[in-house]
N, C-alpha and C. Protein backbone atom coordinates (compact mmCIF):
# COMPACT_ATOMS: atom_id res chain seq x y z
N UNK A 1 -96.30 86.84 31.66
CA UNK A 1 -95.53 86.41 32.91
C UNK A 1 -94.73 88.22 33.09
N UNK A 2 -94.85 88.52 34.62
CA UNK A 2 -94.45 89.78 34.68
C UNK A 2 -92.81 89.70 35.14
N UNK A 3 -92.11 90.74 34.44
CA UNK A 3 -90.59 90.86 34.97
C UNK A 3 -90.32 91.70 36.30
N UNK A 4 -89.68 91.34 36.97
CA UNK A 4 -89.25 92.06 37.86
C UNK A 4 -88.26 93.15 38.12
N UNK A 5 -88.50 94.48 38.24
CA UNK A 5 -87.41 95.53 38.01
C UNK A 5 -86.88 95.94 38.78
N UNK A 6 -87.16 95.16 40.19
CA UNK A 6 -86.45 95.71 41.57
C UNK A 6 -87.04 97.03 41.94
N UNK A 7 -86.72 97.25 42.77
CA UNK A 7 -87.39 98.41 43.82
C UNK A 7 -86.89 100.09 43.20
N UNK A 8 -87.93 100.34 42.84
CA UNK A 8 -87.72 101.81 41.84
C UNK A 8 -89.00 102.75 42.16
N UNK A 9 -88.57 103.98 42.17
CA UNK A 9 -89.35 104.97 42.26
C UNK A 9 -90.53 105.09 41.12
N UNK A 10 -91.52 104.11 40.32
CA UNK A 10 -92.12 103.91 39.29
C UNK A 10 -93.39 103.92 39.92
N UNK A 11 -94.43 105.00 38.91
CA UNK A 11 -95.88 105.10 39.21
C UNK A 11 -96.38 105.43 38.03
N UNK A 12 -97.76 105.15 37.26
CA UNK A 12 -97.80 106.05 36.12
C UNK A 12 -99.48 106.32 36.68
N UNK A 13 -99.71 107.59 36.16
CA UNK A 13 -98.89 108.68 35.42
C UNK A 13 -98.28 109.05 36.51
N UNK A 14 -97.06 109.79 36.46
CA UNK A 14 -96.41 110.71 37.42
C UNK A 14 -96.62 112.24 37.11
N UNK A 15 -97.07 113.22 37.88
CA UNK A 15 -97.50 114.47 37.36
C UNK A 15 -96.15 115.22 36.98
N UNK A 16 -96.40 116.14 36.23
CA UNK A 16 -95.56 117.32 36.32
C UNK A 16 -95.79 118.71 36.69
N UNK A 17 -95.31 119.10 37.86
CA UNK A 17 -95.83 119.90 38.89
C UNK A 17 -94.40 120.87 38.64
N UNK A 18 -94.72 122.09 38.58
CA UNK A 18 -93.37 123.14 38.71
C UNK A 18 -93.92 123.95 39.86
N UNK A 19 -92.90 123.75 41.17
CA UNK A 19 -92.90 124.28 42.45
C UNK A 19 -92.31 125.44 42.07
N UNK A 20 -93.40 126.82 42.68
CA UNK A 20 -92.56 127.88 42.59
C UNK A 20 -92.25 128.45 44.22
N UNK A 21 -91.17 129.32 44.35
CA UNK A 21 -90.85 129.77 45.65
C UNK A 21 -90.13 131.10 45.47
N UNK A 22 -89.83 131.83 46.76
CA UNK A 22 -89.13 132.77 46.53
C UNK A 22 -87.80 132.48 47.35
N UNK A 23 -86.67 132.92 46.73
CA UNK A 23 -84.98 132.76 47.24
C UNK A 23 -85.44 133.82 48.46
N UNK A 24 -84.06 133.73 49.38
CA UNK A 24 -83.89 134.96 50.53
C UNK A 24 -83.70 136.24 49.84
N UNK A 25 -83.12 136.50 48.80
CA UNK A 25 -82.94 137.64 48.07
C UNK A 25 -84.48 138.23 47.46
N UNK A 26 -85.62 137.40 47.62
CA UNK A 26 -86.80 137.85 46.94
C UNK A 26 -86.67 137.43 45.29
N UNK A 27 -85.94 136.91 44.96
CA UNK A 27 -85.82 136.38 43.40
C UNK A 27 -86.76 135.18 43.35
N UNK A 28 -87.67 134.99 42.14
CA UNK A 28 -88.61 133.88 41.91
C UNK A 28 -87.74 132.87 41.58
N UNK A 29 -88.03 131.45 42.11
CA UNK A 29 -87.50 130.33 41.75
C UNK A 29 -88.57 129.14 41.07
N UNK A 30 -87.90 128.64 40.21
CA UNK A 30 -89.52 127.33 40.04
C UNK A 30 -88.48 126.26 39.59
N UNK A 31 -88.82 124.61 40.18
CA UNK A 31 -88.48 123.93 40.05
C UNK A 31 -89.26 122.74 39.95
N UNK A 32 -89.04 121.32 38.90
CA UNK A 32 -89.90 120.53 38.49
C UNK A 32 -90.03 119.47 39.65
N UNK A 33 -91.18 119.16 39.93
CA UNK A 33 -91.13 118.09 41.05
C UNK A 33 -92.44 117.00 39.98
N UNK A 34 -91.79 115.78 40.15
CA UNK A 34 -92.81 114.57 39.57
C UNK A 34 -93.20 113.79 40.75
N UNK A 35 -92.30 113.87 42.27
CA UNK A 35 -92.91 113.05 43.27
C UNK A 35 -93.85 113.79 44.03
N UNK A 36 -95.06 113.46 43.66
CA UNK A 36 -95.76 114.37 44.25
C UNK A 36 -97.31 113.86 44.20
N UNK A 37 -98.64 114.65 44.69
CA UNK A 37 -99.82 114.41 44.27
C UNK A 37 -100.69 114.93 45.75
N UNK A 38 -102.10 114.86 45.34
CA UNK A 38 -103.08 115.12 46.24
C UNK A 38 -102.89 114.12 47.28
N UNK A 39 -102.80 114.70 48.45
CA UNK A 39 -102.96 113.70 49.73
C UNK A 39 -104.04 114.00 50.76
N UNK A 40 -104.71 114.55 50.64
CA UNK A 40 -105.99 114.84 51.51
C UNK A 40 -107.13 115.88 51.02
N UNK A 41 -108.34 115.43 51.03
CA UNK A 41 -109.06 116.17 50.80
C UNK A 41 -109.83 117.14 51.62
N UNK A 42 -109.47 116.71 52.99
CA UNK A 42 -110.04 118.05 53.85
C UNK A 42 -108.90 118.12 55.28
N UNK A 43 -107.92 119.04 55.44
CA UNK A 43 -108.03 120.10 54.33
C UNK A 43 -107.51 119.46 53.05
N UNK A 44 -107.78 120.44 51.94
CA UNK A 44 -107.40 120.07 50.66
C UNK A 44 -105.86 120.60 50.86
N UNK A 45 -105.06 119.24 50.50
CA UNK A 45 -103.49 119.27 50.64
C UNK A 45 -102.94 118.48 49.55
N UNK A 46 -101.53 118.82 49.17
CA UNK A 46 -101.04 118.41 48.01
C UNK A 46 -99.52 118.01 48.59
N UNK A 47 -98.87 116.59 48.23
CA UNK A 47 -97.54 116.70 48.60
C UNK A 47 -96.37 116.67 47.44
N UNK A 48 -95.29 117.19 47.88
CA UNK A 48 -94.15 117.09 46.85
C UNK A 48 -92.93 116.69 47.51
N UNK A 49 -92.18 115.79 46.78
CA UNK A 49 -91.04 115.66 47.52
C UNK A 49 -90.06 116.03 47.09
N UNK A 50 -88.84 117.28 47.73
CA UNK A 50 -87.80 117.59 47.09
C UNK A 50 -86.71 117.20 47.73
N UNK A 51 -85.49 117.14 47.08
CA UNK A 51 -84.15 116.91 47.73
C UNK A 51 -83.61 118.08 48.57
N UNK A 52 -83.03 117.66 49.78
CA UNK A 52 -82.87 118.87 50.80
C UNK A 52 -81.75 119.79 50.28
N UNK A 53 -80.89 119.12 49.32
CA UNK A 53 -79.91 119.95 48.55
C UNK A 53 -80.53 121.30 47.80
N UNK A 54 -81.83 120.79 47.17
CA UNK A 54 -82.13 122.03 46.22
C UNK A 54 -82.64 123.31 46.97
N UNK A 55 -82.21 124.52 46.01
CA UNK A 55 -82.68 125.79 46.33
C UNK A 55 -83.78 125.99 47.12
N UNK A 56 -84.87 124.87 46.10
CA UNK A 56 -86.54 125.04 46.43
C UNK A 56 -86.61 124.55 47.86
N UNK A 57 -85.92 123.53 48.39
CA UNK A 57 -85.89 123.33 49.85
C UNK A 57 -85.58 124.24 50.73
N UNK A 58 -84.60 125.07 50.42
CA UNK A 58 -83.99 126.01 51.61
C UNK A 58 -85.39 127.31 51.22
N UNK A 59 -85.73 127.73 50.40
CA UNK A 59 -86.65 128.82 50.15
C UNK A 59 -87.89 128.23 50.89
N UNK A 60 -88.17 126.90 50.50
CA UNK A 60 -89.71 126.42 51.26
C UNK A 60 -89.44 126.64 52.86
N UNK A 61 -88.23 125.85 53.54
CA UNK A 61 -88.23 126.10 54.76
C UNK A 61 -88.25 127.51 55.41
N UNK A 62 -87.54 128.53 54.60
CA UNK A 62 -87.71 129.74 55.31
C UNK A 62 -88.94 130.49 55.07
N UNK A 63 -89.66 130.64 54.02
CA UNK A 63 -91.12 131.03 53.57
C UNK A 63 -92.29 130.09 54.34
N UNK A 64 -92.16 128.97 54.18
CA UNK A 64 -93.03 128.10 54.63
C UNK A 64 -94.26 128.19 53.70
N UNK A 65 -93.95 128.61 52.14
CA UNK A 65 -95.01 128.76 51.23
C UNK A 65 -94.51 128.31 49.85
N UNK A 66 -95.31 127.81 49.03
CA UNK A 66 -95.30 127.44 47.55
C UNK A 66 -96.38 127.58 46.68
N UNK A 67 -95.97 127.51 45.65
CA UNK A 67 -97.23 127.41 44.52
C UNK A 67 -96.66 125.95 43.67
N UNK A 68 -97.69 125.35 43.12
CA UNK A 68 -97.68 124.28 41.97
C UNK A 68 -98.63 124.80 41.05
N UNK A 69 -97.49 125.02 40.21
CA UNK A 69 -98.01 125.60 38.56
C UNK A 69 -98.20 124.39 37.66
N UNK A 70 -99.24 123.96 37.11
CA UNK A 70 -99.38 122.67 36.45
C UNK A 70 -99.35 123.07 35.06
N UNK A 71 -98.09 122.77 34.23
CA UNK A 71 -97.97 123.31 32.92
C UNK A 71 -98.91 122.55 31.63
N UNK A 72 -98.87 123.55 30.72
CA UNK A 72 -99.38 122.80 29.39
C UNK A 72 -98.22 122.37 28.27
N UNK A 73 -98.68 121.56 27.36
CA UNK A 73 -97.57 121.08 26.54
C UNK A 73 -97.03 122.07 25.89
N UNK A 74 -97.51 123.22 25.42
CA UNK A 74 -96.80 124.12 24.56
C UNK A 74 -95.67 124.80 25.64
N UNK A 75 -95.51 124.31 26.57
CA UNK A 75 -94.28 124.81 27.59
C UNK A 75 -93.48 123.84 28.23
N UNK A 76 -93.73 122.81 27.06
CA UNK A 76 -92.56 121.52 27.59
C UNK A 76 -91.21 122.04 27.79
N UNK A 77 -90.79 122.99 26.57
CA UNK A 77 -89.07 123.31 26.89
C UNK A 77 -88.79 123.85 27.76
N UNK A 78 -89.81 125.06 28.28
CA UNK A 78 -89.55 125.89 29.40
C UNK A 78 -89.39 125.26 30.76
N UNK A 79 -90.84 124.05 30.91
CA UNK A 79 -90.72 123.43 31.92
C UNK A 79 -89.78 122.45 32.21
N UNK A 80 -89.06 121.76 31.45
CA UNK A 80 -87.90 121.04 31.19
C UNK A 80 -86.80 121.59 31.70
N UNK A 81 -86.53 122.63 31.31
CA UNK A 81 -85.45 123.52 31.79
C UNK A 81 -85.47 123.96 33.20
N UNK A 82 -86.32 124.20 33.81
CA UNK A 82 -86.75 124.40 35.05
C UNK A 82 -86.21 123.28 35.73
N UNK A 83 -86.39 121.97 35.35
CA UNK A 83 -86.06 121.02 35.93
C UNK A 83 -84.33 120.54 35.93
N UNK A 84 -83.86 121.28 34.90
CA UNK A 84 -82.38 120.98 34.72
C UNK A 84 -81.34 121.94 35.16
N UNK A 85 -81.84 122.74 35.84
CA UNK A 85 -80.82 123.92 36.35
C UNK A 85 -81.12 124.45 37.61
N UNK A 86 -79.92 124.99 38.25
CA UNK A 86 -80.50 125.23 39.88
C UNK A 86 -80.48 126.67 39.96
N UNK A 87 -81.64 126.97 40.72
CA UNK A 87 -82.03 128.53 41.13
C UNK A 87 -80.49 129.02 41.72
N UNK A 88 -79.95 128.63 42.26
CA UNK A 88 -78.89 129.03 42.75
C UNK A 88 -78.12 129.74 41.83
N UNK A 89 -77.66 129.31 40.43
CA UNK A 89 -77.23 129.62 39.49
C UNK A 89 -77.66 130.45 38.48
N UNK A 90 -79.08 130.23 38.32
CA UNK A 90 -79.87 130.75 37.16
C UNK A 90 -81.22 131.32 37.31
N UNK A 91 -81.21 132.35 36.76
CA UNK A 91 -82.69 132.84 36.79
C UNK A 91 -83.66 132.50 35.84
N UNK A 92 -84.46 131.31 36.35
CA UNK A 92 -85.27 130.38 35.09
C UNK A 92 -86.33 131.06 34.70
N UNK A 93 -86.83 132.17 35.45
CA UNK A 93 -87.61 133.08 34.53
C UNK A 93 -87.14 133.91 33.47
N UNK A 94 -85.98 134.69 33.72
CA UNK A 94 -85.52 135.75 32.74
C UNK A 94 -84.97 134.53 31.80
N UNK A 95 -84.53 133.36 31.83
CA UNK A 95 -84.12 132.76 30.83
C UNK A 95 -84.99 131.94 30.00
N UNK A 96 -86.12 131.88 30.49
CA UNK A 96 -87.24 131.05 29.50
C UNK A 96 -88.30 132.17 29.28
N UNK A 97 -88.40 133.31 29.75
CA UNK A 97 -89.49 134.50 29.31
C UNK A 97 -90.68 134.00 30.26
N UNK A 98 -90.84 132.78 31.08
CA UNK A 98 -92.02 132.85 31.84
C UNK A 98 -92.13 133.90 32.86
N UNK A 99 -93.11 134.20 32.91
CA UNK A 99 -93.85 135.07 34.19
C UNK A 99 -93.69 134.79 35.45
N UNK A 100 -93.12 135.49 36.20
CA UNK A 100 -93.43 135.11 37.57
C UNK A 100 -94.46 135.96 38.22
N UNK A 101 -95.51 135.42 38.96
CA UNK A 101 -96.76 136.16 39.27
C UNK A 101 -96.95 136.13 40.80
N UNK A 102 -96.93 137.12 41.68
CA UNK A 102 -96.90 137.08 42.72
C UNK A 102 -98.39 136.54 43.67
N UNK A 103 -98.49 135.16 44.03
CA UNK A 103 -99.76 134.86 44.63
C UNK A 103 -100.50 135.45 45.23
N UNK A 104 -101.57 135.07 45.28
CA UNK A 104 -102.57 136.15 46.38
C UNK A 104 -102.88 135.90 47.59
N UNK A 105 -102.70 134.57 47.84
CA UNK A 105 -102.67 134.02 49.50
C UNK A 105 -101.73 133.65 49.97
N UNK A 106 -100.19 133.30 49.52
CA UNK A 106 -99.06 132.69 50.10
C UNK A 106 -98.08 133.79 49.54
N UNK A 107 -96.99 133.56 50.13
CA UNK A 107 -95.41 134.64 49.82
C UNK A 107 -94.86 133.28 48.68
N UNK A 108 -95.37 133.43 47.63
CA UNK A 108 -94.61 132.49 46.75
C UNK A 108 -94.96 133.03 45.16
N UNK A 109 -94.26 132.49 44.29
CA UNK A 109 -94.44 133.21 42.96
C UNK A 109 -95.18 132.15 42.24
N UNK A 110 -96.01 132.00 41.09
CA UNK A 110 -96.40 131.18 40.07
C UNK A 110 -96.43 131.54 38.91
N UNK A 111 -96.36 130.53 38.18
CA UNK A 111 -95.70 130.91 36.44
C UNK A 111 -97.21 131.50 35.89
N UNK A 112 -97.16 132.41 35.41
CA UNK A 112 -98.42 133.08 34.67
C UNK A 112 -99.15 132.40 33.73
N UNK A 113 -98.06 131.95 32.66
CA UNK A 113 -98.33 131.27 31.44
C UNK A 113 -99.52 129.91 31.76
N UNK A 114 -98.88 129.22 32.86
CA UNK A 114 -99.07 128.22 33.02
C UNK A 114 -100.84 128.01 33.74
N UNK A 115 -101.98 126.96 33.25
CA UNK A 115 -103.05 127.18 32.96
C UNK A 115 -103.66 126.95 34.47
N UNK A 116 -103.11 126.01 35.46
CA UNK A 116 -103.56 125.86 36.57
C UNK A 116 -102.59 126.19 37.65
N UNK A 117 -103.12 126.66 38.59
CA UNK A 117 -102.51 127.05 39.84
C UNK A 117 -102.84 126.72 41.37
N UNK A 118 -102.03 126.10 42.00
CA UNK A 118 -102.29 125.87 43.46
C UNK A 118 -101.31 126.69 44.39
N UNK A 119 -101.98 127.21 45.19
CA UNK A 119 -101.25 128.17 46.33
C UNK A 119 -101.17 127.48 47.53
N UNK A 120 -99.99 127.00 48.34
CA UNK A 120 -100.02 126.17 49.32
C UNK A 120 -99.25 126.84 50.35
N UNK A 121 -99.46 126.55 51.72
CA UNK A 121 -98.82 126.69 52.93
C UNK A 121 -98.22 125.48 53.28
N UNK A 122 -97.21 125.67 53.87
CA UNK A 122 -96.39 124.28 54.47
C UNK A 122 -97.26 123.80 55.49
N UNK A 123 -97.87 122.63 55.83
CA UNK A 123 -98.13 122.30 56.70
C UNK A 123 -97.43 121.15 57.57
N UNK A 124 -96.75 120.65 56.81
CA UNK A 124 -95.66 119.47 57.51
C UNK A 124 -94.38 119.08 56.45
N UNK A 125 -93.56 118.58 57.28
CA UNK A 125 -92.30 118.19 56.34
C UNK A 125 -92.10 117.03 56.88
N UNK A 126 -91.71 115.83 55.92
CA UNK A 126 -91.38 114.60 56.63
C UNK A 126 -90.05 114.16 55.74
N UNK A 127 -89.30 113.76 56.69
CA UNK A 127 -87.59 113.16 55.79
C UNK A 127 -88.16 112.02 55.30
N UNK A 128 -87.51 111.71 53.89
CA UNK A 128 -87.96 110.77 53.09
C UNK A 128 -86.47 110.39 52.28
N UNK A 129 -85.82 109.45 53.08
CA UNK A 129 -84.59 109.31 52.24
C UNK A 129 -83.58 110.44 52.04
N UNK A 130 -83.18 110.59 50.67
CA UNK A 130 -82.77 111.79 50.54
C UNK A 130 -83.35 113.11 50.39
N UNK A 131 -84.66 112.93 50.50
CA UNK A 131 -85.42 114.43 50.38
C UNK A 131 -86.19 114.39 51.54
N UNK A 132 -87.05 115.56 51.26
CA UNK A 132 -88.27 115.98 52.00
C UNK A 132 -89.54 115.98 51.94
N UNK A 133 -90.35 115.40 52.36
CA UNK A 133 -91.74 115.25 51.86
C UNK A 133 -92.36 116.70 52.46
N UNK A 134 -92.73 117.29 51.24
CA UNK A 134 -93.66 118.60 51.87
C UNK A 134 -95.08 118.77 51.39
N UNK A 135 -95.82 118.82 52.65
CA UNK A 135 -97.05 118.75 52.62
C UNK A 135 -97.61 120.15 52.64
N UNK A 136 -98.41 120.57 51.29
CA UNK A 136 -98.78 121.97 51.38
C UNK A 136 -100.69 121.68 51.57
N UNK A 137 -101.13 122.64 52.53
CA UNK A 137 -102.40 122.82 52.62
C UNK A 137 -102.91 123.98 51.23
N UNK A 138 -103.39 123.45 50.38
CA UNK A 138 -104.09 124.17 49.36
C UNK A 138 -105.10 125.52 49.61
N UNK A 139 -104.61 126.58 49.79
CA UNK A 139 -105.18 127.78 50.03
C UNK A 139 -106.22 128.13 49.14
N UNK A 140 -105.68 127.96 47.76
CA UNK A 140 -106.44 128.46 46.46
C UNK A 140 -105.93 127.87 45.26
N UNK A 141 -107.15 127.84 44.44
CA UNK A 141 -106.67 127.16 43.28
C UNK A 141 -106.90 128.11 42.11
N UNK A 142 -106.21 128.58 41.17
CA UNK A 142 -106.54 129.47 40.04
C UNK A 142 -106.57 128.52 38.84
N UNK A 143 -107.44 128.73 37.91
CA UNK A 143 -107.70 128.33 36.92
C UNK A 143 -107.83 129.39 35.70
N UNK A 144 -107.01 129.08 34.72
CA UNK A 144 -107.59 130.42 33.38
C UNK A 144 -108.87 129.68 32.99
N UNK A 145 -109.41 130.89 32.46
CA UNK A 145 -110.80 130.70 32.14
C UNK A 145 -111.09 129.99 30.82
N UNK A 146 -109.96 130.11 29.84
CA UNK A 146 -110.05 129.38 28.60
C UNK A 146 -109.86 128.00 28.66
N UNK A 147 -109.27 127.43 30.08
CA UNK A 147 -109.63 125.74 30.20
C UNK A 147 -110.62 125.28 30.91
N UNK A 148 -111.59 126.16 31.28
CA UNK A 148 -113.20 125.85 31.80
C UNK A 148 -113.94 125.39 30.87
N UNK A 149 -115.01 124.42 30.92
CA UNK A 149 -115.90 124.07 30.68
C UNK A 149 -117.26 124.55 30.69
N UNK A 150 -118.25 124.42 30.04
CA UNK A 150 -119.42 125.06 30.08
C UNK A 150 -120.20 124.96 31.81
N UNK A 151 -119.52 124.05 32.39
CA UNK A 151 -120.01 123.86 33.88
C UNK A 151 -119.12 124.56 34.88
N UNK A 152 -117.92 125.51 34.14
CA UNK A 152 -116.72 126.25 35.03
C UNK A 152 -116.00 125.24 35.84
N UNK A 153 -116.00 124.09 35.28
CA UNK A 153 -114.90 123.23 35.86
C UNK A 153 -113.65 122.99 34.70
N UNK A 154 -112.49 122.77 35.39
CA UNK A 154 -111.19 122.55 34.52
C UNK A 154 -111.46 121.21 33.54
N UNK A 155 -110.98 121.41 32.46
CA UNK A 155 -111.33 120.46 31.10
C UNK A 155 -109.78 120.24 30.80
N UNK A 156 -109.56 118.66 31.35
CA UNK A 156 -108.11 118.26 30.90
C UNK A 156 -107.49 118.41 29.58
N UNK A 157 -108.38 118.07 28.56
CA UNK A 157 -107.77 118.46 27.49
C UNK A 157 -107.90 119.76 27.02
N UNK A 158 -108.28 120.81 27.65
CA UNK A 158 -108.05 122.13 27.50
C UNK A 158 -106.73 122.49 28.11
N UNK A 159 -106.49 121.77 29.41
CA UNK A 159 -105.25 122.40 30.38
C UNK A 159 -103.92 121.93 29.29
N UNK A 160 -104.01 120.75 28.59
CA UNK A 160 -103.01 120.09 28.07
C UNK A 160 -101.90 119.99 28.94
N UNK A 161 -102.30 119.39 30.33
CA UNK A 161 -101.34 118.71 31.10
C UNK A 161 -100.62 117.42 30.41
N UNK A 162 -99.24 117.35 30.92
CA UNK A 162 -98.75 116.28 30.45
C UNK A 162 -97.81 115.60 31.79
N UNK A 163 -97.41 114.15 31.53
CA UNK A 163 -97.18 113.54 32.47
C UNK A 163 -95.60 112.99 32.12
N UNK A 164 -94.71 112.29 33.24
CA UNK A 164 -93.51 112.27 33.09
C UNK A 164 -93.32 110.37 33.30
N UNK A 165 -92.71 110.03 32.71
CA UNK A 165 -91.92 108.57 32.79
C UNK A 165 -90.80 108.50 33.07
N UNK A 166 -90.57 107.90 34.53
CA UNK A 166 -89.32 108.33 35.20
C UNK A 166 -88.62 106.95 34.41
N UNK A 167 -88.86 105.91 34.01
CA UNK A 167 -88.18 104.81 33.40
C UNK A 167 -87.66 105.16 32.19
N UNK A 168 -88.35 105.66 31.30
CA UNK A 168 -87.78 106.22 29.78
C UNK A 168 -87.12 107.62 29.85
N UNK A 169 -87.50 108.31 31.02
CA UNK A 169 -87.14 110.02 30.85
C UNK A 169 -87.48 110.11 29.68
N UNK A 170 -89.15 110.50 30.04
CA UNK A 170 -89.98 111.16 28.73
C UNK A 170 -91.16 111.50 29.18
N UNK A 171 -91.66 112.69 28.58
CA UNK A 171 -92.77 113.12 28.93
C UNK A 171 -93.70 112.93 27.62
N UNK A 172 -95.17 112.61 28.16
CA UNK A 172 -96.24 112.24 27.63
C UNK A 172 -97.45 113.18 27.84
N UNK A 173 -98.63 112.98 26.61
CA UNK A 173 -99.51 114.04 26.85
C UNK A 173 -100.72 112.96 27.30
N UNK A 174 -101.57 113.90 27.90
CA UNK A 174 -102.60 113.36 28.76
C UNK A 174 -103.87 113.72 28.15
N UNK A 175 -105.05 113.18 28.42
CA UNK A 175 -106.43 113.95 28.16
C UNK A 175 -107.57 112.97 27.58
N UNK A 176 -107.24 112.04 26.83
CA UNK A 176 -108.49 111.28 26.24
C UNK A 176 -109.44 110.81 27.42
N UNK A 177 -110.45 111.18 27.12
CA UNK A 177 -111.63 110.19 28.05
C UNK A 177 -111.64 109.07 27.99
N UNK A 178 -111.73 108.09 28.51
CA UNK A 178 -112.00 107.10 28.27
C UNK A 178 -113.16 106.55 29.34
N UNK A 179 -113.77 106.90 30.24
CA UNK A 179 -114.63 106.64 30.56
C UNK A 179 -115.25 107.39 31.92
N UNK A 180 -116.36 107.38 32.82
CA UNK A 180 -116.91 108.24 33.60
C UNK A 180 -116.77 107.41 34.97
N UNK A 181 -116.10 108.31 36.13
CA UNK A 181 -115.57 107.99 37.37
C UNK A 181 -116.97 107.46 38.11
N UNK A 182 -116.90 106.33 38.80
CA UNK A 182 -117.97 105.99 39.34
C UNK A 182 -119.23 105.60 38.70
N UNK A 183 -118.96 104.94 37.34
CA UNK A 183 -120.05 104.71 36.14
C UNK A 183 -119.51 103.65 35.64
N UNK A 184 -118.44 103.71 35.33
CA UNK A 184 -117.66 102.75 34.32
C UNK A 184 -117.74 101.22 34.99
N UNK A 185 -117.87 100.89 36.30
CA UNK A 185 -117.66 99.96 36.95
C UNK A 185 -119.14 99.35 37.38
N UNK A 186 -120.12 100.21 36.83
CA UNK A 186 -121.58 100.20 37.16
C UNK A 186 -121.91 98.34 36.84
N UNK A 187 -121.49 98.08 35.95
CA UNK A 187 -121.86 96.62 35.42
C UNK A 187 -121.87 95.52 36.63
N UNK A 188 -120.67 95.58 37.38
CA UNK A 188 -120.57 94.73 38.38
C UNK A 188 -121.44 95.31 39.72
N UNK A 189 -121.95 95.85 39.79
CA UNK A 189 -123.06 96.32 40.84
C UNK A 189 -124.39 95.29 40.80
N UNK A 190 -124.76 94.70 41.53
CA UNK A 190 -125.64 93.63 41.65
C UNK A 190 -127.00 94.53 41.62
């Protein structure tokens, strides 16, 4: 029997994205966002929902650009810290030792140590309760060569990405292959 938990922002797995923007004074900023995901294939687009009181929202509104850096588990502590303090009061890059790298296609920084980066231009903003859903067209994806397979595609196990459990407030690892997409369900095809 299933037990009702009521209306909650629960989905599994939730991503751990680090959204990079520049503040009005040009300082690089980064915030953790779990409310997001790919939202379109053509044009390739990603969505993140950000509280309109966050510094990142004001940065996005002004510059119309952001990056999504996908952290690996060795950087769990640095990533968590970026979600704990505000860019108004803290220089998260200086405090964590992470490297702010200027993106090649948009006016935003990304985190050099993180293996996967999406460079995005804001294409839409939609009010969603206390937040704003920001849709970004993905203009470029950068991936560290060390996490590519022989086929030159990213390998999740090498990336070391991790997810977020909002109900337990915990991070968890990802990466065990359990089957092939568009193959595992073939037994049900006539």
